[in-house]
C-alpha cells in the first residue's frame, strides 16, 4: 500500500469496528486527539488510513478515514468536512508532495538528467546541484510557498533510482518534439553534468551523442 509522509494535528470522533471484526460501523465512538505521521492510500490512490499517535490510547495506530465521524483541524481550528481532501491538500503543499509534482510534470527531462548524472555509477553533489537548478528554473511563477529551491531538491535527488536504458530512450524520443530553446537549455545542462568529472568514463559520451543526433540532427541522425 502506497503512503504519504504527512503531519496533521486533529481532534476526531472515531467509531471503532464492532466485536468480531464486523466493519458495518456499529462499534463504539470516542473523541481522540491524534498526531498523523503518514497517510496510507487505497488501490485507487485515495487516502484510506491515517497512521497516527493517539492521545487516548497513548500509542500509534491506524484510523480508517471512513470511520471518522467528525474532525477538527487543530492547526487552523476549523472543522473538516472531508478528511481525504484535507490530506491531499496538505500533502500537495508539503516538500515531498511538491517534489512528486515536479517529478511528474518534468518526468522526461528528469529521466534524461538522472541518466547523465548517474552514467558512471556515481552521483556527485555538483551533478545533483546542476540538475536541481535546471528543474527549479522550470517551475514557472509559483507562489514562494509552493516552489522548491535548488538545495531542497538536490538533497532529494540521491534517493531516485537510475533510469533504465529503455526509460532513457523513451524520454529522449518524447522530448524530440519539444521546442528548440528548451532542448538547447536541457542539452547544455547535460553537457555541464557530464563535465563535472574531468574524463567521461561512463556512458556520458554515448548518451550525449544520442541526444545530439535525435534532437539536433547531428552525426548518426
Protein backbone atom coordinates (compact mmCIF):
# COMPACT_ATOMS: atom_id res chain seq x y z
CA UNK A 1 0.00 0.00 0.00
CA UNK A 2 1.42 3.40 -1.00
CA UNK A 3 1.67 6.12 1.62
CA UNK A 4 2.43 9.81 2.09
CA UNK A 5 4.56 11.21 4.89
CA UNK A 6 2.44 13.92 6.49
CA UNK A 7 1.95 15.82 9.74
CA UNK A 8 -1.57 16.66 10.92
CA UNK A 9 -2.89 17.52 14.38
CA UNK A 10 -6.53 16.50 14.55
CA UNK A 11 -9.35 16.03 17.04
CA UNK A 12 -11.73 13.35 15.80
CA UNK A 13 -14.82 11.43 16.74
CA UNK A 14 -13.90 7.91 15.71
CA UNK A 15 -16.10 4.83 15.58
CA UNK A 16 -14.33 1.55 16.28
CA UNK A 17 -15.27 -1.65 14.49
CA UNK A 18 -17.73 -3.88 16.33
CA UNK A 19 -16.55 -7.01 18.08
CA UNK A 20 -15.89 -9.99 15.83
CA UNK A 21 -14.33 -7.86 13.10
CA UNK A 22 -17.68 -6.50 11.85
CA UNK A 23 -16.97 -3.40 9.77
CA UNK A 24 -20.54 -2.11 9.41
CA UNK A 25 -19.89 0.93 11.60
CA UNK A 26 -21.72 -0.34 14.70
CA UNK A 27 -18.75 -0.06 17.07
CA UNK A 28 -18.41 2.50 19.86
CA UNK A 29 -17.49 6.13 19.16
CA UNK A 30 -14.90 8.12 21.11
CA UNK A 31 -13.23 11.52 20.95
CA UNK A 32 -9.50 11.37 20.27
CA UNK A 33 -6.67 13.77 19.61
CA UNK A 34 -4.31 12.28 17.06
CA UNK A 35 -0.97 13.29 15.53
CA UNK A 36 -0.90 11.95 11.99
CA UNK A 37 2.52 10.92 10.67
CA UNK A 38 1.54 9.14 7.44
CA UNK A 39 -1.46 8.60 5.21
CA UNK A 40 -1.88 5.21 3.56
CA UNK A 41 -3.60 5.11 0.18
CA UNK A 42 -6.00 2.53 -1.17
CA UNK A 43 -5.67 0.85 -4.59
CA UNK A 44 -7.28 3.86 -6.27
CA UNK A 45 -4.81 6.28 -4.67
CA UNK A 46 -7.30 7.72 -2.18
CA UNK A 47 -6.40 8.38 1.48
CA UNK A 48 -7.73 5.37 3.40
CA UNK A 49 -5.81 5.06 6.68
CA UNK A 50 -4.24 7.65 8.96
CA UNK A 51 -1.17 6.31 10.79
CA UNK A 52 -1.13 8.40 13.93
CA UNK A 53 -0.27 8.65 17.60
CA UNK A 54 -3.46 8.67 19.65
CA UNK A 55 -3.62 10.58 22.95
CA UNK A 56 -6.43 8.32 24.20
CA UNK A 57 -4.54 5.04 23.78
CA UNK A 58 -1.07 6.55 24.14
CA UNK A 59 0.15 4.53 21.17
CA UNK A 60 0.42 4.56 17.38
CA UNK A 61 -2.41 3.03 15.41
CA UNK A 62 -4.20 3.24 12.06
CA UNK A 63 -7.51 5.10 11.71
CA UNK A 64 -9.76 4.38 8.74
CA UNK A 65 -10.89 7.67 7.20
CA UNK A 66 -14.40 6.31 6.60
CA UNK A 67 -14.81 5.73 10.37
CA UNK A 68 -14.09 9.35 11.27
CA UNK A 69 -17.49 10.85 12.07
CA UNK A 70 -16.28 14.39 12.68
CA UNK A 71 -12.91 16.11 12.57
CA UNK A 72 -11.34 19.35 13.77
CA UNK A 73 -8.06 20.61 12.32
CA UNK A 74 -6.18 21.78 15.42
CA UNK A 75 -3.74 23.86 13.36
CA UNK A 76 -6.50 26.09 11.97
CA UNK A 77 -9.28 25.45 14.49
CA UNK A 78 -11.60 24.74 11.57
CA UNK A 79 -13.93 21.75 11.23
CA UNK A 80 -13.00 19.36 8.42
CA UNK A 81 -15.81 18.11 6.21
CA UNK A 82 -13.63 15.89 4.00
CA UNK A 83 -10.61 14.32 5.73
CA UNK A 84 -9.35 12.77 2.48
CA UNK A 85 -9.42 16.16 0.75
CA UNK A 86 -7.53 17.72 3.67
CA UNK A 87 -4.85 15.03 3.44
CA UNK A 88 -4.48 15.57 -0.31
CA UNK A 89 -4.22 19.33 0.12
CA UNK A 90 -1.63 19.20 2.91
CA UNK A 91 0.44 16.61 1.03
CA UNK A 92 0.42 18.76 -2.13
CA UNK A 93 1.77 21.66 -0.02
CA UNK A 94 4.48 19.55 1.65
CA UNK A 95 8.04 19.28 0.35
CA UNK A 96 7.51 15.63 -0.57
CA UNK A 97 4.30 16.47 -2.40
CA UNK A 98 5.88 19.34 -4.30
CA UNK A 99 8.80 17.10 -5.27
CA UNK A 100 6.41 14.43 -6.52
CA UNK A 101 4.52 17.02 -8.56
CA UNK A 102 7.76 18.33 -10.04
CA UNK A 103 8.83 14.80 -10.94
CA UNK A 104 5.51 14.12 -12.67
CA UNK A 105 5.48 17.43 -14.51
CA UNK A 106 9.02 17.11 -15.88
CA UNK A 107 9.41 13.33 -15.91
CA UNK A 108 11.13 13.07 -19.30
CA UNK A 109 13.61 15.85 -18.56
CA UNK A 110 14.43 14.40 -15.14
CA UNK A 111 14.93 10.95 -16.69
CA UNK A 112 17.48 12.32 -19.16
CA UNK A 113 19.30 14.32 -16.48
CA UNK A 114 19.41 11.45 -13.98
CA UNK A 115 20.73 9.13 -16.68
CA UNK A 116 23.53 11.61 -17.37
CA UNK A 117 24.33 12.26 -13.72
CA UNK A 118 24.46 8.56 -12.85
CA UNK A 119 26.12 7.43 -16.11
CA UNK A 120 29.36 6.45 -14.36
CA UNK A 121 27.66 4.80 -11.40
CA UNK A 122 28.42 7.78 -9.14
CA UNK A 123 26.10 10.68 -8.40
CA UNK A 124 28.15 13.60 -7.15
CA UNK A 125 26.86 16.61 -5.26
CA UNK A 126 27.74 19.03 -8.06
CA UNK A 127 25.76 16.90 -10.53
CA UNK A 128 22.74 16.99 -8.23
CA UNK A 129 23.05 20.77 -7.87
CA UNK A 130 23.13 21.31 -11.64
CA UNK A 131 20.08 19.10 -12.17
CA UNK A 132 18.20 20.72 -9.29
CA UNK A 133 18.94 24.23 -10.60
CA UNK A 134 17.62 23.30 -14.05
CA UNK A 135 14.42 21.70 -12.70
CA UNK A 136 13.73 24.58 -10.33
CA UNK A 137 14.06 27.03 -13.22
CA UNK A 138 11.27 25.09 -14.95
CA UNK A 139 8.77 25.58 -12.13
CA UNK A 140 7.44 28.82 -13.55
CA UNK A 141 5.81 31.53 -11.50
CA UNK A 142 4.70 29.55 -8.48
CA UNK A 143 3.96 31.17 -5.11
CA UNK A 144 7.00 31.14 -2.78
CA UNK A 145 5.38 28.53 -0.56
CA UNK A 146 4.94 26.11 -3.44
CA UNK A 147 8.20 26.47 -5.36
CA UNK A 148 11.14 24.27 -4.42
CA UNK A 149 14.61 25.77 -4.13
CA UNK A 150 17.67 24.03 -5.64
CA UNK A 151 19.20 22.99 -2.27
CA UNK A 152 15.90 21.38 -1.23
CA UNK A 153 15.61 19.47 -4.47
CA UNK A 154 19.29 18.48 -4.69
CA UNK A 155 19.07 16.76 -1.30
CA UNK A 156 16.21 14.59 -2.58
CA UNK A 157 17.74 13.54 -5.91
CA UNK A 158 20.08 10.98 -4.35
CA UNK A 159 17.07 8.84 -3.44
CA UNK A 160 15.91 8.50 -7.05
CA UNK A 161 16.99 5.34 -8.87
CA UNK A 162 18.95 5.44 -12.09
CA UNK A 163 16.63 5.18 -15.12
CA UNK A 164 16.96 2.11 -17.31
CA UNK A 165 18.25 2.31 -20.89
CA UNK A 166 14.67 1.81 -22.08
CA UNK A 167 13.39 4.67 -19.91
CA UNK A 168 16.20 6.91 -21.14
CA UNK A 169 15.44 6.10 -24.78
CA UNK A 170 11.73 6.74 -24.31
CA UNK A 171 12.43 10.10 -22.63
CA UNK A 172 14.75 11.15 -25.48
CA UNK A 173 12.03 10.34 -28.00
CA UNK A 174 9.32 12.10 -26.01
CA UNK A 175 11.41 15.27 -25.83
CA UNK A 176 12.31 15.25 -29.53
CA UNK A 177 9.10 17.15 -30.28
CA UNK A 178 9.85 19.91 -27.75
CA UNK A 179 10.70 23.42 -28.90
CA UNK A 180 14.32 24.19 -29.75
CA UNK A 181 15.00 26.58 -26.89
CA UNK A 182 14.04 24.01 -24.29
CA UNK A 183 16.16 21.31 -25.92
CA UNK A 184 19.15 23.65 -26.14
CA UNK A 185 18.87 24.51 -22.43
CA UNK A 186 18.44 20.87 -21.45
CA UNK A 187 21.35 19.76 -23.62
CA UNK A 188 23.57 22.47 -22.10
CA UNK A 189 22.71 21.17 -18.63
CA UNK A 190 23.52 17.61 -19.76
CA UNK A 191 26.92 18.83 -21.00
CA UNK A 192 27.59 20.58 -17.69
CA UNK A 193 26.66 17.43 -15.75
CA UNK A 194 28.81 15.25 -18.00
CA UNK A 195 31.79 17.56 -17.48
CA UNK A 196 31.69 17.56 -13.68
CA UNK A 197 34.35 14.85 -13.89
CA UNK A 198 37.45 15.57 -15.95
CA UNK A 199 37.01 12.43 -18.04
CA UNK A 200 33.77 10.98 -19.39
CA UNK A 201 34.49 7.46 -18.19
CA UNK A 202 30.94 6.16 -18.03
CA UNK A 203 28.15 6.32 -20.57
CA UNK A 204 28.13 10.12 -20.79
CA UNK A 205 29.54 10.46 -24.30
CA UNK A 206 27.30 7.85 -25.99
CA UNK A 207 24.30 9.45 -24.27
CA UNK A 208 25.32 12.93 -25.43
CA UNK A 209 25.85 11.64 -28.98
CA UNK A 210 22.33 10.18 -28.95
CA UNK A 211 20.82 13.43 -27.69
CA UNK A 212 22.64 15.50 -30.29
CA UNK A 213 21.63 13.15 -33.10
CA UNK A 214 17.97 12.86 -32.10
CA UNK A 215 17.33 16.44 -31.04
CA UNK A 216 19.56 18.45 -33.36
CA UNK A 217 20.19 16.17 -36.34
CA UNK A 218 23.86 15.68 -35.52
CA UNK A 219 26.09 12.76 -36.62
CA UNK A 220 24.20 9.48 -36.56
CA UNK A 221 20.80 11.11 -37.04
